[in-house]
Amino acid sequence: MSWLVVAALLSPVTAVAQEGADAAALARQMVNLAVAPGMESRIDRMIAQAVEKQPADRQAEVRAELLKASAGIREDLMATFAAYYAKAFTPAELKGLVAFYQSPLGLKAVQVEENKPAEVNAAIQQQIMKLVMLLNMSGTGK
């Protein structure tokens, strides 16, 4: 009889642990679908810019070194996003997000976000610079 009592007491703990594991797995799946493509392309662009500054005969070697060196950072970034989303959303919400990002519309949303034309990126950057200037001026009393 005492085993039944112990099992009954541990059952909610086991359910909470399973829900946490489900949320973590779903959050990672959502991150892989929605966040990773953009993060990967941004990191790849940063590496490409760093490689361009190297002598032509060293570019391939430097690219390989940077890709290898950045692998852990990339994984840590994705883990950070996944941990955040696992806490911010319920497993049911994460399932809905995964379903959305796997849908044709969700796939298109990620693709559109990642393939903005240069003029859109330039316009965004211009507005960000205006905001930075405004914020910097606000501290000077001008």
Protein backbone atom coordinates (compact mmCIF):
# COMPACT_ATOMS: atom_id res chain seq x y z
CA MET A 1 0.00 0.00 0.00
CA SER A 2 2.85 2.44 0.77
CA TRP A 3 4.15 2.09 -2.81
CA LEU A 4 0.81 3.30 -4.10
CA VAL A 5 1.00 6.38 -1.90
CA VAL A 6 4.57 7.14 -3.04
CA ALA A 7 3.58 6.61 -6.68
CA ALA A 8 0.58 8.89 -6.27
CA LEU A 9 2.74 11.58 -4.71
CA LEU A 10 5.40 11.35 -7.43
CA SER A 11 2.94 11.29 -10.31
CA PRO A 12 2.51 15.11 -10.50
CA VAL A 13 6.30 15.58 -10.36
CA THR A 14 6.76 13.14 -13.24
CA ALA A 15 4.04 14.87 -15.26
CA VAL A 16 5.66 18.29 -14.73
CA ALA A 17 9.07 16.92 -15.71
CA GLN A 18 7.59 15.38 -18.88
CA GLU A 19 5.82 18.62 -19.76
CA GLY A 20 9.12 20.49 -19.32
CA ALA A 21 10.89 18.01 -21.59
CA ASP A 22 8.11 18.31 -24.17
CA ALA A 23 8.33 22.11 -24.04
CA ALA A 24 12.11 22.01 -24.46
CA ALA A 25 11.90 19.70 -27.48
CA LEU A 26 9.09 21.73 -29.06
CA ALA A 27 10.92 25.00 -28.39
CA ARG A 28 14.06 23.65 -30.06
CA GLN A 29 12.01 22.52 -33.05
CA MET A 30 10.40 25.96 -33.30
CA VAL A 31 13.80 27.65 -33.05
CA ASN A 32 15.18 25.42 -35.80
CA LEU A 33 12.28 26.39 -38.05
CA ALA A 34 11.89 30.09 -37.26
CA VAL A 35 15.10 31.48 -35.73
CA ALA A 36 17.96 29.34 -37.02
CA PRO A 37 17.63 30.27 -40.70
CA GLY A 38 18.02 33.97 -39.98
CA MET A 39 20.72 33.51 -37.39
CA GLU A 40 22.68 31.21 -39.68
CA SER A 41 22.50 33.64 -42.59
CA ARG A 42 23.57 36.57 -40.37
CA ILE A 43 26.54 34.64 -39.00
CA ASP A 44 27.48 33.48 -42.50
CA ARG A 45 27.40 37.10 -43.73
CA MET A 46 29.60 38.20 -40.82
CA ILE A 47 32.08 35.43 -41.58
CA ALA A 48 32.07 36.36 -45.27
CA GLN A 49 32.83 39.98 -44.40
CA ALA A 50 35.72 38.93 -42.15
CA VAL A 51 37.07 36.59 -44.83
CA GLU A 52 36.96 39.33 -47.49
CA LYS A 53 39.47 41.32 -45.43
CA GLN A 54 42.01 38.50 -45.64
CA PRO A 55 44.55 38.02 -48.43
CA ALA A 56 43.10 35.95 -51.28
CA ASP A 57 45.44 33.03 -50.63
CA ARG A 58 44.24 32.75 -47.01
CA GLN A 59 40.50 33.22 -47.49
CA ALA A 60 39.55 29.54 -47.78
CA GLU A 61 41.60 28.64 -44.72
CA VAL A 62 40.22 31.52 -42.67
CA ARG A 63 36.64 30.67 -43.71
CA ALA A 64 37.13 27.06 -42.57
CA GLU A 65 38.65 28.19 -39.26
CA LEU A 66 35.84 30.65 -38.58
CA LEU A 67 33.13 28.13 -39.46
CA LYS A 68 34.67 25.59 -37.10
CA ALA A 69 35.24 28.16 -34.33
CA SER A 70 31.69 29.52 -34.60
CA ALA A 71 29.95 26.12 -34.38
CA GLY A 72 29.78 26.20 -30.58
CA ILE A 73 28.59 29.78 -30.55
CA ARG A 74 25.85 28.94 -33.04
CA GLU A 75 24.71 26.01 -30.89
CA ASP A 76 24.75 28.14 -27.74
CA LEU A 77 22.64 30.79 -29.47
CA MET A 78 20.04 28.25 -30.54
CA ALA A 79 20.00 26.71 -27.05
CA THR A 80 19.49 30.17 -25.51
CA PHE A 81 16.55 30.88 -27.81
CA ALA A 82 15.06 27.43 -27.16
CA ALA A 83 15.32 27.80 -23.37
CA TYR A 84 13.66 31.21 -23.56
CA TYR A 85 10.80 29.99 -25.76
CA ALA A 86 10.31 26.86 -23.61
CA LYS A 87 9.61 29.17 -20.66
CA ALA A 88 7.63 31.78 -22.57
CA PHE A 89 5.18 29.39 -24.26
CA THR A 90 3.15 26.41 -23.10
CA PRO A 91 3.66 23.09 -24.88
CA ALA A 92 0.31 23.62 -26.63
CA GLU A 93 1.40 27.06 -27.86
CA LEU A 94 4.73 25.66 -29.03
CA LYS A 95 2.90 22.93 -30.95
CA GLY A 96 0.86 25.65 -32.65
CA LEU A 97 4.00 27.62 -33.50
CA VAL A 98 5.73 24.54 -34.89
CA ALA A 99 2.66 23.75 -36.98
CA PHE A 100 2.63 27.32 -38.29
CA TYR A 101 6.34 27.38 -39.16
CA GLN A 102 5.98 24.02 -40.91
CA SER A 103 3.01 25.27 -42.93
CA PRO A 104 3.43 26.85 -46.37
CA LEU A 105 2.64 30.28 -44.89
CA GLY A 106 5.11 29.85 -42.04
CA LEU A 107 7.83 28.68 -44.41
CA LYS A 108 7.12 31.66 -46.65
CA ALA A 109 7.20 34.07 -43.68
CA VAL A 110 10.70 32.90 -42.75
CA GLN A 111 11.84 33.02 -46.38
CA VAL A 112 10.46 36.53 -46.91
CA GLU A 113 12.10 37.76 -43.71
CA GLU A 114 15.46 36.32 -44.69
CA ASN A 115 15.42 37.47 -48.31
CA LYS A 116 14.57 41.13 -47.97
CA PRO A 117 15.89 43.17 -50.90
CA ALA A 118 18.95 45.34 -50.29
CA GLU A 119 16.86 48.52 -50.49
CA VAL A 120 14.58 47.30 -47.69
CA ASN A 121 17.57 46.45 -45.51
CA ALA A 122 19.08 49.87 -46.29
CA ALA A 123 15.83 51.63 -45.37
CA ILE A 124 15.62 49.69 -42.11
CA GLN A 125 19.25 50.52 -41.31
CA GLN A 126 18.59 54.20 -42.06
CA GLN A 127 15.66 54.29 -39.63
CA ILE A 128 17.71 52.51 -36.96
CA MET A 129 20.48 55.08 -37.37
CA LYS A 130 17.93 57.90 -36.96
CA LEU A 131 16.73 56.28 -33.75
CA VAL A 132 20.30 55.85 -32.46
CA MET A 133 21.02 59.53 -33.19
CA LEU A 134 17.81 60.58 -31.44
CA LEU A 135 18.64 58.50 -28.41
CA ASN A 136 22.20 59.79 -28.28
CA MET A 137 20.98 63.39 -28.51
CA SER A 138 18.46 62.90 -25.72
CA GLY A 139 21.24 62.39 -23.20
CA THR A 140 23.11 65.56 -24.19
CA GLY A 141 20.36 68.02 -23.28
CA LYS A 142 19.97 69.25 -26.88
